[in-house]
Amino acid sequence: MLHTLSSGLKNVPAGAVAELRAIGVRDDDIRAAFEFQEQQRRAGARVLPLRVICGVEAPTREARSSFSATASQLVGTKPRTRVQRGGTHITRRPVWAGSVRTGDAAEADFVRAIDTDQRKRLSRACYLAFDRGRELAAQKRQGRELTAKEEQLTLFTRSCRDMMLKILDDLHYRKGWCNPSYETLMRWTGLARRAVHYCINRLKGLGLLEWIRRYDYSSDSEFGARSEQTSNLYRCQLPDWLAKMVGLFAPVPADEEQRRAEALEQNADMLASVGAVERRHMMPEDKGLRAALILAGERAAQRRSAEANTRECNHCTPPHTSFNILKGTRRSCPSRATRKP
């Protein structure tokens, strides 16, 4: 996670913010990209568009020179395109567009395991959100005008709560590999298929649940290559706005935020140091994560440059140990000219 910078999103054009948010770029990354634009303006350099800085749009050759060496390597690299193989299954079942092949790296990247503490926190959030939603619904019937988030929370029904709790149990037990089918969810909750579809879409709208579609690919001599849609892969999270509304919001400690920023910088340096082909295979597909890596590489390059200038201008720094060793070696050298006694 990037550090929160001093400049806010109020100075960024609203259209640019909405466009970047729509493709998954975080607000912190948009704010950092806007700060990078301000630095370019103050330095008199060419100002790059926000889409280029966030890695959404490929830069030109002239624009690439405005970045540091690490960030320019990451900006010019796009993730490897994953071509869907195979055709329609013999049962004539179509495969959804954007589905991920089972066993692929994108499937493993999506998995996010939760520990016991996270499970307890999310379970408590489900109960508090359900109670809070009922209170808001009662206030709405009494004539109170609700905000958009409060209106959204009133749709968190008992069925949504029960399904979320079942998914949390499966996520914790299977270490993040939660992929129940609709029939399994129907058996867990006792709901009809249409109600299950409504609940998982409502949980996704609240930001509590995410999933990716998957398909199985197989090939044999009798039927040839074929693909078949399989169950979705789910993961859970607690959005900040919902945690604040139910009273469970806890900001990330400063040391943990610093540790995450340093880990992101190390990952950016590692990606910039490998070859182009390997970097393309390792580059994440998520556009928001790519933007965070590019800005972390730029931030690391600026920090190293500032540290180098500080060491160069500090006259009180003691000499390096190798300098003292070199002086001692020269003094004891037999070929050194000495004054006669």
C-alpha atoms as a PDB file:
ATOM      1  CA  MET A   1       0.000   0.000   0.000  1.00  0.00           C
ATOM      2  CA  LEU A   2       1.344   3.365  -0.949  1.00  0.00           C
ATOM      3  CA  HIS A   3       1.760   6.218   1.497  1.00  0.00           C
ATOM      4  CA  THR A   4      -1.010   8.780   1.491  1.00  0.00           C
ATOM      5  CA  LEU A   5       0.384  11.911  -0.127  1.00  0.00           C
ATOM      6  CA  SER A   6      -0.420  15.477   0.831  1.00  0.00           C
ATOM      7  CA  SER A   7      -2.284  16.412  -2.331  1.00  0.00           C
ATOM      8  CA  GLY A   8      -5.894  15.212  -2.529  1.00  0.00           C
ATOM      9  CA  LEU A   9      -8.062  14.041  -5.376  1.00  0.00           C
ATOM     10  CA  LYS A  10      -9.938  17.347  -5.405  1.00  0.00           C
ATOM     11  CA  ASN A  11      -7.280  18.799  -7.725  1.00  0.00           C
ATOM     12  CA  VAL A  12      -7.485  15.876 -10.155  1.00  0.00           C
ATOM     13  CA  PRO A  13     -10.089  16.143 -12.951  1.00  0.00           C
ATOM     14  CA  ALA A  14     -13.222  14.235 -11.988  1.00  0.00           C
ATOM     15  CA  GLY A  15     -13.442  12.510 -15.361  1.00  0.00           C
ATOM     16  CA  ALA A  16      -9.908  11.143 -15.083  1.00  0.00           C
ATOM     17  CA  VAL A  17     -10.553   9.874 -11.557  1.00  0.00           C
ATOM     18  CA  ALA A  18     -13.767   8.114 -12.569  1.00  0.00           C
ATOM     19  CA  GLU A  19     -12.103   6.547 -15.604  1.00  0.00           C
ATOM     20  CA  LEU A  20      -9.169   5.197 -13.595  1.00  0.00           C
ATOM     21  CA  ARG A  21     -11.427   3.968 -10.812  1.00  0.00           C
ATOM     22  CA  ALA A  22     -13.540   2.082 -13.354  1.00  0.00           C
ATOM     23  CA  ILE A  23     -10.550  -0.012 -14.452  1.00  0.00           C
ATOM     24  CA  GLY A  24      -9.428  -0.844 -10.907  1.00  0.00           C
ATOM     25  CA  VAL A  25      -6.782   1.811 -10.065  1.00  0.00           C
ATOM     26  CA  ARG A  26      -6.811   2.720  -6.366  1.00  0.00           C
ATOM     27  CA  ASP A  27      -7.296   6.279  -5.111  1.00  0.00           C
ATOM     28  CA  ASP A  28      -3.857   6.276  -3.462  1.00  0.00           C
ATOM     29  CA  ASP A  29      -2.235   5.401  -6.795  1.00  0.00           C
ATOM     30  CA  ILE A  30      -4.201   8.116  -8.619  1.00  0.00           C
ATOM     31  CA  ARG A  31      -3.102  10.621  -5.973  1.00  0.00           C
ATOM     32  CA  ALA A  32       0.527   9.487  -6.292  1.00  0.00           C
ATOM     33  CA  ALA A  33       0.363   9.764 -10.090  1.00  0.00           C
ATOM     34  CA  PHE A  34      -1.009  13.291  -9.811  1.00  0.00           C
ATOM     35  CA  GLU A  35       1.818  14.187  -7.413  1.00  0.00           C
ATOM     36  CA  PHE A  36       4.305  12.826  -9.970  1.00  0.00           C
ATOM     37  CA  GLN A  37       2.730  15.124 -12.568  1.00  0.00           C
ATOM     38  CA  GLU A  38       3.229  18.081 -10.222  1.00  0.00           C
ATOM     39  CA  GLN A  39       6.896  17.166  -9.819  1.00  0.00           C
ATOM     40  CA  GLN A  40       7.284  17.082 -13.594  1.00  0.00           C
ATOM     41  CA  ARG A  41       5.682  20.534 -13.884  1.00  0.00           C
ATOM     42  CA  ARG A  42       7.975  21.985 -11.218  1.00  0.00           C
ATOM     43  CA  ALA A  43      11.049  20.478 -12.881  1.00  0.00           C
ATOM     44  CA  GLY A  44      10.035  21.812 -16.310  1.00  0.00           C
ATOM     45  CA  ALA A  45       9.900  18.301 -17.783  1.00  0.00           C
ATOM     46  CA  ARG A  46       7.257  16.905 -20.089  1.00  0.00           C
ATOM     47  CA  VAL A  47       4.046  16.122 -18.160  1.00  0.00           C
ATOM     48  CA  LEU A  48       2.752  12.631 -18.837  1.00  0.00           C
ATOM     49  CA  PRO A  49      -0.950  11.700 -18.797  1.00  0.00           C
ATOM     50  CA  LEU A  50      -2.354   9.938 -15.743  1.00  0.00           C
ATOM     51  CA  ARG A  51      -3.163   6.833 -17.802  1.00  0.00           C
ATOM     52  CA  VAL A  52       0.489   6.511 -18.822  1.00  0.00           C
ATOM     53  CA  ILE A  53       1.812   6.990 -15.285  1.00  0.00           C
ATOM     54  CA  CYS A  54      -0.599   4.371 -13.909  1.00  0.00           C
ATOM     55  CA  GLY A  55       0.419   1.864 -16.584  1.00  0.00           C
ATOM     56  CA  VAL A  56      -2.975   1.748 -18.273  1.00  0.00           C
ATOM     57  CA  GLU A  57      -1.773   3.195 -21.582  1.00  0.00           C
ATOM     58  CA  ALA A  58       1.519   2.437 -23.326  1.00  0.00           C
ATOM     59  CA  PRO A  59       3.921   5.437 -23.375  1.00  0.00           C
ATOM     60  CA  THR A  60       5.778   6.741 -26.393  1.00  0.00           C
ATOM     61  CA  ARG A  61       9.560   6.505 -26.692  1.00  0.00           C
ATOM     62  CA  GLU A  62       9.983  10.169 -25.746  1.00  0.00           C
ATOM     63  CA  ALA A  63       7.653   9.851 -22.759  1.00  0.00           C
ATOM     64  CA  ARG A  64       9.567   6.860 -21.408  1.00  0.00           C
ATOM     65  CA  SER A  65      12.625   9.021 -20.812  1.00  0.00           C
ATOM     66  CA  SER A  66      10.686  10.996 -18.176  1.00  0.00           C
ATOM     67  CA  PHE A  67      10.641   7.974 -15.838  1.00  0.00           C
ATOM     68  CA  SER A  68      13.495   6.502 -13.859  1.00  0.00           C
ATOM     69  CA  ALA A  69      15.224   3.353 -15.092  1.00  0.00           C
ATOM     70  CA  THR A  70      13.157   1.060 -12.856  1.00  0.00           C
ATOM     71  CA  ALA A  71       9.789   2.642 -13.630  1.00  0.00           C
ATOM     72  CA  SER A  72      10.487   2.824 -17.394  1.00  0.00           C
ATOM     73  CA  GLN A  73      11.043  -0.947 -17.494  1.00  0.00           C
ATOM     74  CA  LEU A  74       7.721  -1.585 -15.749  1.00  0.00           C
ATOM     75  CA  VAL A  75       5.731   0.983 -17.762  1.00  0.00           C
ATOM     76  CA  GLY A  76       6.749  -0.576 -21.052  1.00  0.00           C
ATOM     77  CA  THR A  77       5.847  -4.129 -19.985  1.00  0.00           C
ATOM     78  CA  LYS A  78       2.369  -5.556 -20.363  1.00  0.00           C
ATOM     79  CA  PRO A  79       1.352  -8.921 -18.880  1.00  0.00           C
ATOM     80  CA  ARG A  80       1.369 -11.951 -21.086  1.00  0.00           C
ATOM     81  CA  THR A  81      -1.916 -12.309 -22.968  1.00  0.00           C
ATOM     82  CA  ARG A  82      -3.705 -15.493 -22.014  1.00  0.00           C
ATOM     83  CA  VAL A  83      -5.361 -17.027 -25.042  1.00  0.00           C
ATOM     84  CA  GLN A  84      -8.359 -19.218 -24.332  1.00  0.00           C
ATOM     85  CA  ARG A  85      -7.775 -22.645 -25.814  1.00  0.00           C
ATOM     86  CA  GLY A  86     -10.177 -25.298 -26.924  1.00  0.00           C
ATOM     87  CA  GLY A  87     -13.656 -25.080 -28.316  1.00  0.00           C
ATOM     88  CA  THR A  88     -17.168 -25.746 -27.105  1.00  0.00           C
ATOM     89  CA  HIS A  89     -17.669 -28.805 -24.953  1.00  0.00           C
ATOM     90  CA  ILE A  90     -19.352 -31.818 -26.520  1.00  0.00           C
ATOM     91  CA  THR A  91     -22.394 -31.018 -24.361  1.00  0.00           C
ATOM     92  CA  ARG A  92     -22.572 -27.693 -26.258  1.00  0.00           C
ATOM     93  CA  ARG A  93     -22.186 -25.681 -23.044  1.00  0.00           C
ATOM     94  CA  PRO A  94     -20.601 -22.290 -23.783  1.00  0.00           C
ATOM     95  CA  VAL A  95     -17.685 -20.847 -21.832  1.00  0.00           C
ATOM     96  CA  TRP A  96     -18.094 -17.359 -20.373  1.00  0.00           C
ATOM     97  CA  ALA A  97     -15.851 -14.647 -21.769  1.00  0.00           C
ATOM     98  CA  GLY A  98     -13.055 -13.663 -19.388  1.00  0.00           C
ATOM     99  CA  SER A  99     -12.992 -17.040 -17.661  1.00  0.00           C
ATOM    100  CA  VAL A 100      -9.706 -18.293 -16.224  1.00  0.00           C
ATOM    101  CA  ARG A 101      -8.439 -21.750 -17.006  1.00  0.00           C
ATOM    102  CA  THR A 102      -8.183 -24.001 -13.947  1.00  0.00           C
ATOM    103  CA  GLY A 103      -4.593 -24.542 -12.880  1.00  0.00           C
ATOM    104  CA  ASP A 104      -3.425 -21.297 -14.484  1.00  0.00           C
ATOM    105  CA  ALA A 105      -1.251 -18.746 -12.680  1.00  0.00           C
ATOM    106  CA  ALA A 106      -4.100 -16.189 -12.676  1.00  0.00           C
ATOM    107  CA  GLU A 107      -6.171 -18.605 -10.604  1.00  0.00           C
ATOM    108  CA  ALA A 108      -3.433 -18.969  -7.981  1.00  0.00           C
ATOM    109  CA  ASP A 109      -2.916 -15.188  -7.880  1.00  0.00           C
ATOM    110  CA  PHE A 110      -6.585 -14.659  -7.078  1.00  0.00           C
ATOM    111  CA  VAL A 111      -6.597 -16.971  -4.055  1.00  0.00           C
ATOM    112  CA  ARG A 112      -6.462 -15.143  -0.722  1.00  0.00           C
ATOM    113  CA  ALA A 113      -6.487 -17.256   2.427  1.00  0.00           C
ATOM    114  CA  ILE A 114      -7.899 -15.903   5.694  1.00  0.00           C
ATOM    115  CA  ASP A 115      -6.681 -16.771   9.179  1.00  0.00           C
ATOM    116  CA  THR A 116      -8.765 -17.266  12.310  1.00  0.00           C
ATOM    117  CA  ASP A 117      -8.682 -13.589  13.338  1.00  0.00           C
ATOM    118  CA  GLN A 118      -9.775 -12.427   9.895  1.00  0.00           C
ATOM    119  CA  ARG A 119     -12.566 -14.965   9.870  1.00  0.00           C
ATOM    120  CA  LYS A 120     -13.836 -13.788  13.277  1.00  0.00           C
ATOM    121  CA  ARG A 121     -13.669 -10.151  12.194  1.00  0.00           C
ATOM    122  CA  LEU A 122     -15.569 -10.795   8.959  1.00  0.00           C
ATOM    123  CA  SER A 123     -18.146 -12.924  10.762  1.00  0.00           C
ATOM    124  CA  ARG A 124     -18.732 -10.189  13.317  1.00  0.00           C
ATOM    125  CA  ALA A 125     -19.017  -7.655  10.491  1.00  0.00           C
ATOM    126  CA  CYS A 126     -21.760  -9.787   8.906  1.00  0.00           C
ATOM    127  CA  TYR A 127     -23.850  -9.802  12.074  1.00  0.00           C
ATOM    128  CA  LEU A 128     -23.311  -6.088  12.698  1.00  0.00           C
ATOM    129  CA  ALA A 129     -24.098  -5.212   9.074  1.00  0.00           C
ATOM    130  CA  PHE A 130     -27.337  -7.197   9.213  1.00  0.00           C
ATOM    131  CA  ASP A 131     -28.424  -5.454  12.435  1.00  0.00           C
ATOM    132  CA  ARG A 132     -27.394  -2.062  11.120  1.00  0.00           C
ATOM    133  CA  GLY A 133     -29.302  -2.670   7.886  1.00  0.00           C
ATOM    134  CA  ARG A 134     -32.477  -3.464   9.820  1.00  0.00           C
ATOM    135  CA  GLU A 135     -32.093  -0.281  11.851  1.00  0.00           C
ATOM    136  CA  LEU A 136     -31.634   1.812   8.722  1.00  0.00           C
ATOM    137  CA  ALA A 137     -34.642   0.180   7.066  1.00  0.00           C
ATOM    138  CA  ALA A 138     -36.775   1.062  10.120  1.00  0.00           C
ATOM    139  CA  GLN A 139     -35.508   4.660  10.045  1.00  0.00           C
ATOM    140  CA  LYS A 140     -36.328   4.864   6.348  1.00  0.00           C
ATOM    141  CA  ARG A 141     -39.918   3.770   7.035  1.00  0.00           C
ATOM    142  CA  GLN A 142     -40.145   6.550   9.608  1.00  0.00           C
ATOM    143  CA  GLY A 143     -39.251   9.142   6.963  1.00  0.00           C
ATOM    144  CA  ARG A 144     -35.495   9.549   7.287  1.00  0.00           C
ATOM    145  CA  GLU A 145     -33.601  10.098   4.025  1.00  0.00           C
ATOM    146  CA  LEU A 146     -30.702   7.633   3.717  1.00  0.00           C
ATOM    147  CA  THR A 147     -27.431   8.039   1.882  1.00  0.00           C
ATOM    148  CA  ALA A 148     -26.433   5.826  -1.042  1.00  0.00           C
ATOM    149  CA  LYS A 149     -24.259   3.578   1.152  1.00  0.00           C
ATOM    150  CA  GLU A 150     -26.987   3.276   3.771  1.00  0.00           C
ATOM    151  CA  GLU A 151     -29.514   2.368   1.070  1.00  0.00           C
ATOM    152  CA  GLN A 152     -27.134  -0.305  -0.113  1.00  0.00           C
ATOM    153  CA  LEU A 153     -26.738  -1.707   3.391  1.00  0.00           C
ATOM    154  CA  THR A 154     -30.511  -2.092   3.835  1.00  0.00           C
ATOM    155  CA  LEU A 155     -30.411  -4.769   1.111  1.00  0.00           C
ATOM    156  CA  PHE A 156     -28.109  -6.969   3.242  1.00  0.00           C
ATOM    157  CA  THR A 157     -30.695  -9.604   4.100  1.00  0.00           C
ATOM    158  CA  ARG A 158     -30.581 -12.592   6.418  1.00  0.00           C
ATOM    159  CA  SER A 159     -29.970 -14.880   3.431  1.00  0.00           C
ATOM    160  CA  CYS A 160     -26.954 -12.780   2.431  1.00  0.00           C
ATOM    161  CA  ARG A 161     -25.601 -13.018   5.966  1.00  0.00           C
ATOM    162  CA  ASP A 162     -26.017 -16.798   6.154  1.00  0.00           C
ATOM    163  CA  MET A 163     -24.403 -17.338   2.757  1.00  0.00           C
ATOM    164  CA  MET A 164     -21.479 -15.094   3.667  1.00  0.00           C
ATOM    165  CA  LEU A 165     -20.886 -17.036   6.883  1.00  0.00           C
ATOM    166  CA  LYS A 166     -20.885 -20.346   4.999  1.00  0.00           C
ATOM    167  CA  ILE A 167     -18.403 -19.005   2.443  1.00  0.00           C
ATOM    168  CA  LEU A 168     -16.172 -17.720   5.251  1.00  0.00           C
ATOM    169  CA  ASP A 169     -16.114 -21.150   6.867  1.00  0.00           C
ATOM    170  CA  ASP A 170     -15.168 -22.772   3.564  1.00  0.00           C
ATOM    171  CA  LEU A 171     -12.494 -20.131   2.887  1.00  0.00           C
ATOM    172  CA  HIS A 172     -10.901 -20.720   6.280  1.00  0.00           C
ATOM    173  CA  TYR A 173     -11.076 -24.518   6.034  1.00  0.00           C
ATOM    174  CA  ARG A 174      -9.716 -24.754   2.474  1.00  0.00           C
ATOM    175  CA  LYS A 175      -7.075 -21.994   2.886  1.00  0.00           C
ATOM    176  CA  GLY A 176      -8.584 -19.652   0.303  1.00  0.00           C
ATOM    177  CA  TRP A 177      -9.627 -22.223  -2.332  1.00  0.00           C
ATOM    178  CA  CYS A 178     -13.372 -21.640  -2.050  1.00  0.00           C
ATOM    179  CA  ASN A 179     -15.114 -22.755  -5.246  1.00  0.00           C
ATOM    180  CA  PRO A 180     -18.594 -24.068  -4.431  1.00  0.00           C
ATOM    181  CA  SER A 181     -21.076 -24.500  -7.233  1.00  0.00           C
ATOM    182  CA  TYR A 182     -24.576 -23.028  -7.190  1.00  0.00           C
ATOM    183  CA  GLU A 183     -25.927 -26.430  -6.173  1.00  0.00           C
ATOM    184  CA  THR A 184     -23.537 -26.509  -3.202  1.00  0.00           C
ATOM    185  CA  LEU A 185     -24.585 -23.008  -2.130  1.00  0.00           C
ATOM    186  CA  MET A 186     -28.231 -24.049  -2.433  1.00  0.00           C
ATOM    187  CA  ARG A 187     -27.569 -27.058  -0.199  1.00  0.00           C
ATOM    188  CA  TRP A 188     -25.674 -24.919   2.355  1.00  0.00           C
ATOM    189  CA  THR A 189     -28.332 -22.244   2.713  1.00  0.00           C
ATOM    190  CA  GLY A 190     -31.570 -23.985   1.663  1.00  0.00           C
ATOM    191  CA  LEU A 191     -32.266 -21.235  -0.892  1.00  0.00           C
ATOM    192  CA  ALA A 192     -33.459 -21.516  -4.459  1.00  0.00           C
ATOM    193  CA  ARG A 193     -31.081 -20.953  -7.350  1.00  0.00           C
ATOM    194  CA  ARG A 194     -32.478 -17.509  -8.094  1.00  0.00           C
ATOM    195  CA  ALA A 195     -32.071 -16.471  -4.436  1.00  0.00           C
ATOM    196  CA  VAL A 196     -28.461 -17.706  -4.452  1.00  0.00           C
ATOM    197  CA  HIS A 197     -27.770 -15.623  -7.554  1.00  0.00           C
ATOM    198  CA  TYR A 198     -29.315 -12.571  -5.886  1.00  0.00           C
ATOM    199  CA  CYS A 199     -27.309 -13.008  -2.673  1.00  0.00           C
ATOM    200  CA  ILE A 200     -23.882 -13.385  -4.262  1.00  0.00           C
ATOM    201  CA  ASN A 201     -24.505 -10.366  -6.492  1.00  0.00           C
ATOM    202  CA  ARG A 202     -25.658  -8.366  -3.476  1.00  0.00           C
ATOM    203  CA  LEU A 203     -22.519  -9.372  -1.554  1.00  0.00           C
ATOM    204  CA  LYS A 204     -20.395  -8.329  -4.523  1.00  0.00           C
ATOM    205  CA  GLY A 205     -22.170  -4.964  -4.681  1.00  0.00           C
ATOM    206  CA  LEU A 206     -21.346  -4.396  -1.010  1.00  0.00           C
ATOM    207  CA  GLY A 207     -17.677  -5.224  -1.635  1.00  0.00           C
ATOM    208  CA  LEU A 208     -17.705  -8.262   0.658  1.00  0.00           C
ATOM    209  CA  LEU A 209     -17.318 -10.896  -2.045  1.00  0.00           C
ATOM    210  CA  GLU A 210     -15.316 -11.222  -5.259  1.00  0.00           C
ATOM    211  CA  TRP A 211     -15.070 -14.078  -7.723  1.00  0.00           C
ATOM    212  CA  ILE A 212     -13.610 -15.125 -11.047  1.00  0.00           C
ATOM    213  CA  ARG A 213     -15.159 -17.482 -13.568  1.00  0.00           C
ATOM    214  CA  ARG A 214     -13.221 -20.643 -14.438  1.00  0.00           C
ATOM    215  CA  TYR A 215     -13.286 -23.359 -17.090  1.00  0.00           C
ATOM    216  CA  ASP A 216     -11.753 -26.808 -17.473  1.00  0.00           C
ATOM    217  CA  TYR A 217      -9.748 -27.652 -20.586  1.00  0.00           C
ATOM    218  CA  SER A 218      -9.180 -31.228 -21.701  1.00  0.00           C
ATOM    219  CA  SER A 219      -8.143 -33.060 -24.835  1.00  0.00           C
ATOM    220  CA  ASP A 220      -8.255 -36.691 -25.942  1.00  0.00           C
ATOM    221  CA  SER A 221      -8.181 -38.712 -29.135  1.00  0.00           C
ATOM    222  CA  GLU A 222     -11.912 -39.442 -29.151  1.00  0.00           C
ATOM    223  CA  PHE A 223     -13.441 -35.987 -28.703  1.00  0.00           C
ATOM    224  CA  GLY A 224     -10.455 -33.691 -29.283  1.00  0.00           C
ATOM    225  CA  ALA A 225      -9.954 -30.404 -27.417  1.00  0.00           C
ATOM    226  CA  ARG A 226     -12.887 -29.126 -25.400  1.00  0.00           C
ATOM    227  CA  SER A 227     -13.622 -26.582 -22.668  1.00  0.00           C
ATOM    228  CA  GLU A 228     -16.353 -26.706 -20.041  1.00  0.00           C
ATOM    229  CA  GLN A 229     -17.436 -24.045 -17.577  1.00  0.00           C
ATOM    230  CA  THR A 230     -16.867 -24.978 -13.935  1.00  0.00           C
ATOM    231  CA  SER A 231     -17.603 -23.347 -10.578  1.00  0.00           C
ATOM    232  CA  ASN A 232     -16.420 -19.863  -9.671  1.00  0.00           C
ATOM    233  CA  LEU A 233     -13.540 -19.124  -7.309  1.00  0.00           C
ATOM    234  CA  TYR A 234     -14.484 -16.808  -4.421  1.00  0.00           C
ATOM    235  CA  ARG A 235     -12.628 -14.603  -1.955  1.00  0.00           C
ATOM    236  CA  CYS A 236     -13.844 -12.255   0.799  1.00  0.00           C
ATOM    237  CA  GLN A 237     -12.800  -8.882   2.139  1.00  0.00           C
ATOM    238  CA  LEU A 238     -14.171  -6.111   4.363  1.00  0.00           C
ATOM    239  CA  PRO A 239     -14.313  -2.702   2.622  1.00  0.00           C
ATOM    240  CA  ASP A 240     -13.351   0.335   4.680  1.00  0.00           C
ATOM    241  CA  TRP A 241     -16.688   2.131   4.261  1.00  0.00           C
ATOM    242  CA  LEU A 242     -18.608  -0.860   5.609  1.00  0.00           C
ATOM    243  CA  ALA A 243     -16.159  -1.337   8.496  1.00  0.00           C
ATOM    244  CA  LYS A 244     -16.614   2.323   9.457  1.00  0.00           C
ATOM    245  CA  MET A 245     -20.403   2.025   9.287  1.00  0.00           C
ATOM    246  CA  VAL A 246     -20.524  -1.000  11.623  1.00  0.00           C
ATOM    247  CA  GLY A 247     -17.756   0.270  13.958  1.00  0.00           C
ATOM    248  CA  LEU A 248     -14.964  -2.173  13.033  1.00  0.00           C
ATOM    249  CA  PHE A 249     -12.656   0.141  11.104  1.00  0.00           C
ATOM    250  CA  ALA A 250      -9.040  -0.037  12.268  1.00  0.00           C
ATOM    251  CA  PRO A 251      -6.465   1.941  10.271  1.00  0.00           C
ATOM    252  CA  VAL A 252      -3.285   0.165   9.192  1.00  0.00           C
ATOM    253  CA  PRO A 253      -0.415   0.919  11.628  1.00  0.00           C
ATOM    254  CA  ALA A 254       2.339   3.168  10.327  1.00  0.00           C
ATOM    255  CA  ASP A 255       5.002   0.462  10.605  1.00  0.00           C
ATOM    256  CA  GLU A 256       2.858  -2.039   8.712  1.00  0.00           C
ATOM    257  CA  GLU A 257       2.149   0.523   5.993  1.00  0.00           C
ATOM    258  CA  GLN A 258       5.869   1.252   5.716  1.00  0.00           C
ATOM    259  CA  ARG A 259       6.641  -2.474   5.512  1.00  0.00           C
ATOM    260  CA  ARG A 260       4.136  -2.936   2.686  1.00  0.00           C
ATOM    261  CA  ALA A 261       5.551   0.053   0.800  1.00  0.00           C
ATOM    262  CA  GLU A 262       9.094  -1.319   1.117  1.00  0.00           C
ATOM    263  CA  ALA A 263       7.977  -4.760  -0.043  1.00  0.00           C
ATOM    264  CA  LEU A 264       6.297  -3.168  -3.065  1.00  0.00           C
ATOM    265  CA  GLU A 265       9.490  -1.262  -3.897  1.00  0.00           C
ATOM    266  CA  GLN A 266      11.560  -4.453  -3.664  1.00  0.00           C
ATOM    267  CA  ASN A 267       9.109  -6.220  -5.961  1.00  0.00           C
ATOM    268  CA  ALA A 268       9.362  -3.373  -8.493  1.00  0.00           C
ATOM    269  CA  ASP A 269      13.175  -3.482  -8.416  1.00  0.00           C
ATOM    270  CA  MET A 270      13.116  -7.246  -8.888  1.00  0.00           C
ATOM    271  CA  LEU A 271      10.781  -7.030 -11.899  1.00  0.00           C
ATOM    272  CA  ALA A 272      12.928  -4.305 -13.468  1.00  0.00           C
ATOM    273  CA  SER A 273      16.107  -6.391 -13.070  1.00  0.00           C
ATOM    274  CA  VAL A 274      14.903  -9.557 -14.844  1.00  0.00           C
ATOM    275  CA  GLY A 275      14.730 -10.081 -18.594  1.00  0.00           C
ATOM    276  CA  ALA A 276      11.935  -8.777 -20.793  1.00  0.00           C
ATOM    277  CA  VAL A 277      10.324 -12.183 -21.415  1.00  0.00           C
ATOM    278  CA  GLU A 278      10.412 -13.195 -17.759  1.00  0.00           C
ATOM    279  CA  ARG A 279       9.146  -9.757 -16.704  1.00  0.00           C
ATOM    280  CA  ARG A 280       6.176 -10.116 -19.034  1.00  0.00           C
ATOM    281  CA  HIS A 281       5.287 -13.475 -17.487  1.00  0.00           C
ATOM    282  CA  MET A 282       5.625 -12.114 -13.940  1.00  0.00           C
ATOM    283  CA  MET A 283       3.800  -8.812 -14.504  1.00  0.00           C
ATOM    284  CA  PRO A 284       0.382  -8.933 -12.745  1.00  0.00           C
ATOM    285  CA  GLU A 285      -2.766  -8.616 -14.838  1.00  0.00           C
ATOM    286  CA  ASP A 286      -4.506  -6.320 -12.339  1.00  0.00           C
ATOM    287  CA  LYS A 287      -4.154  -2.745 -13.631  1.00  0.00           C
ATOM    288  CA  GLY A 288      -4.293  -1.271 -10.150  1.00  0.00           C
ATOM    289  CA  LEU A 289      -1.419  -3.464  -8.976  1.00  0.00           C
ATOM    290  CA  ARG A 290       0.617  -2.558 -12.070  1.00  0.00           C
ATOM    291  CA  ALA A 291       0.098   1.146 -11.315  1.00  0.00           C
ATOM    292  CA  ALA A 292       1.200   0.598  -7.711  1.00  0.00           C
ATOM    293  CA  LEU A 293       4.367  -1.199  -8.882  1.00  0.00           C
ATOM    294  CA  ILE A 294       5.266   1.573 -11.350  1.00  0.00           C
ATOM    295  CA  LEU A 295       4.835   4.291  -8.747  1.00  0.00           C
ATOM    296  CA  ALA A 296       6.747   2.244  -6.160  1.00  0.00           C
ATOM    297  CA  GLY A 297       9.658   1.916  -8.592  1.00  0.00           C
ATOM    298  CA  GLU A 298       9.615   5.661  -9.224  1.00  0.00           C
ATOM    299  CA  ARG A 299       9.453   6.378  -5.497  1.00  0.00           C
ATOM    300  CA  ALA A 300      12.387   4.032  -4.808  1.00  0.00           C
ATOM    301  CA  ALA A 301      14.481   5.709  -7.520  1.00  0.00           C
ATOM    302  CA  GLN A 302      13.762   9.175  -6.084  1.00  0.00           C
ATOM    303  CA  ARG A 303      14.659   8.011  -2.573  1.00  0.00           C
ATOM    304  CA  ARG A 304      17.974   6.510  -3.739  1.00  0.00           C
ATOM    305  CA  SER A 305      18.792   9.710  -5.609  1.00  0.00           C
ATOM    306  CA  ALA A 306      18.049  11.810  -2.525  1.00  0.00           C
ATOM    307  CA  GLU A 307      20.186   9.558  -0.328  1.00  0.00           C
ATOM    308  CA  ALA A 308      23.105   9.781  -2.786  1.00  0.00           C
ATOM    309  CA  ASN A 309      22.963  13.586  -2.793  1.00  0.00           C
ATOM    310  CA  THR A 310      22.832  13.631   1.012  1.00  0.00           C
ATOM    311  CA  ARG A 311      25.930  11.463   1.354  1.00  0.00           C
ATOM    312  CA  GLU A 312      27.788  13.557  -1.204  1.00  0.00           C
ATOM    313  CA  CYS A 313      27.072  16.869   0.554  1.00  0.00           C
ATOM    314  CA  ASN A 314      27.698  15.674   4.100  1.00  0.00           C
ATOM    315  CA  HIS A 315      31.233  16.869   4.933  1.00  0.00           C
ATOM    316  CA  CYS A 316      31.100  15.503   8.468  1.00  0.00           C
ATOM    317  CA  THR A 317      30.896  11.891   7.347  1.00  0.00           C
ATOM    318  CA  PRO A 318      33.970   9.955   8.518  1.00  0.00           C
ATOM    319  CA  PRO A 319      36.182   8.471   5.780  1.00  0.00           C
ATOM    320  CA  HIS A 320      35.506   4.966   4.592  1.00  0.00           C
ATOM    321  CA  THR A 321      37.378   2.185   6.351  1.00  0.00           C
ATOM    322  CA  SER A 322      39.123   1.187   3.126  1.00  0.00           C
ATOM    323  CA  PHE A 323      40.715   4.671   3.033  1.00  0.00           C
ATOM    324  CA  ASN A 324      42.374   4.154   6.419  1.00  0.00           C
ATOM    325  CA  ILE A 325      43.564   0.705   5.398  1.00  0.00           C
ATOM    326  CA  LEU A 326      45.040   2.142   2.223  1.00  0.00           C
ATOM    327  CA  LYS A 327      46.928   4.808   4.182  1.00  0.00           C
ATOM    328  CA  GLY A 328      48.369   2.215   6.547  1.00  0.00           C
ATOM    329  CA  THR A 329      49.456   0.018   3.652  1.00  0.00           C
ATOM    330  CA  ARG A 330      51.277   2.873   1.969  1.00  0.00           C
ATOM    331  CA  ARG A 331      53.051   3.848   5.195  1.00  0.00           C
ATOM    332  CA  SER A 332      54.425   0.314   5.741  1.00  0.00           C
ATOM    333  CA  CYS A 333      55.343  -0.294   2.084  1.00  0.00           C
ATOM    334  CA  PRO A 334      59.093  -1.188   1.772  1.00  0.00           C
ATOM    335  CA  SER A 335      59.440   0.719  -1.492  1.00  0.00           C
ATOM    336  CA  ARG A 336      58.168   3.923   0.107  1.00  0.00           C
ATOM    337  CA  ALA A 337      60.817   6.639   0.295  1.00  0.00           C
ATOM    338  CA  THR A 338      61.716   7.387   3.926  1.00  0.00           C
ATOM    339  CA  ARG A 339      63.752  10.138   5.493  1.00  0.00           C
ATOM    340  CA  LYS A 340      67.161   9.094   6.833  1.00  0.00           C
ATOM    341  CA  PRO A 341      67.621   9.382  10.600  1.00  0.00           C
END
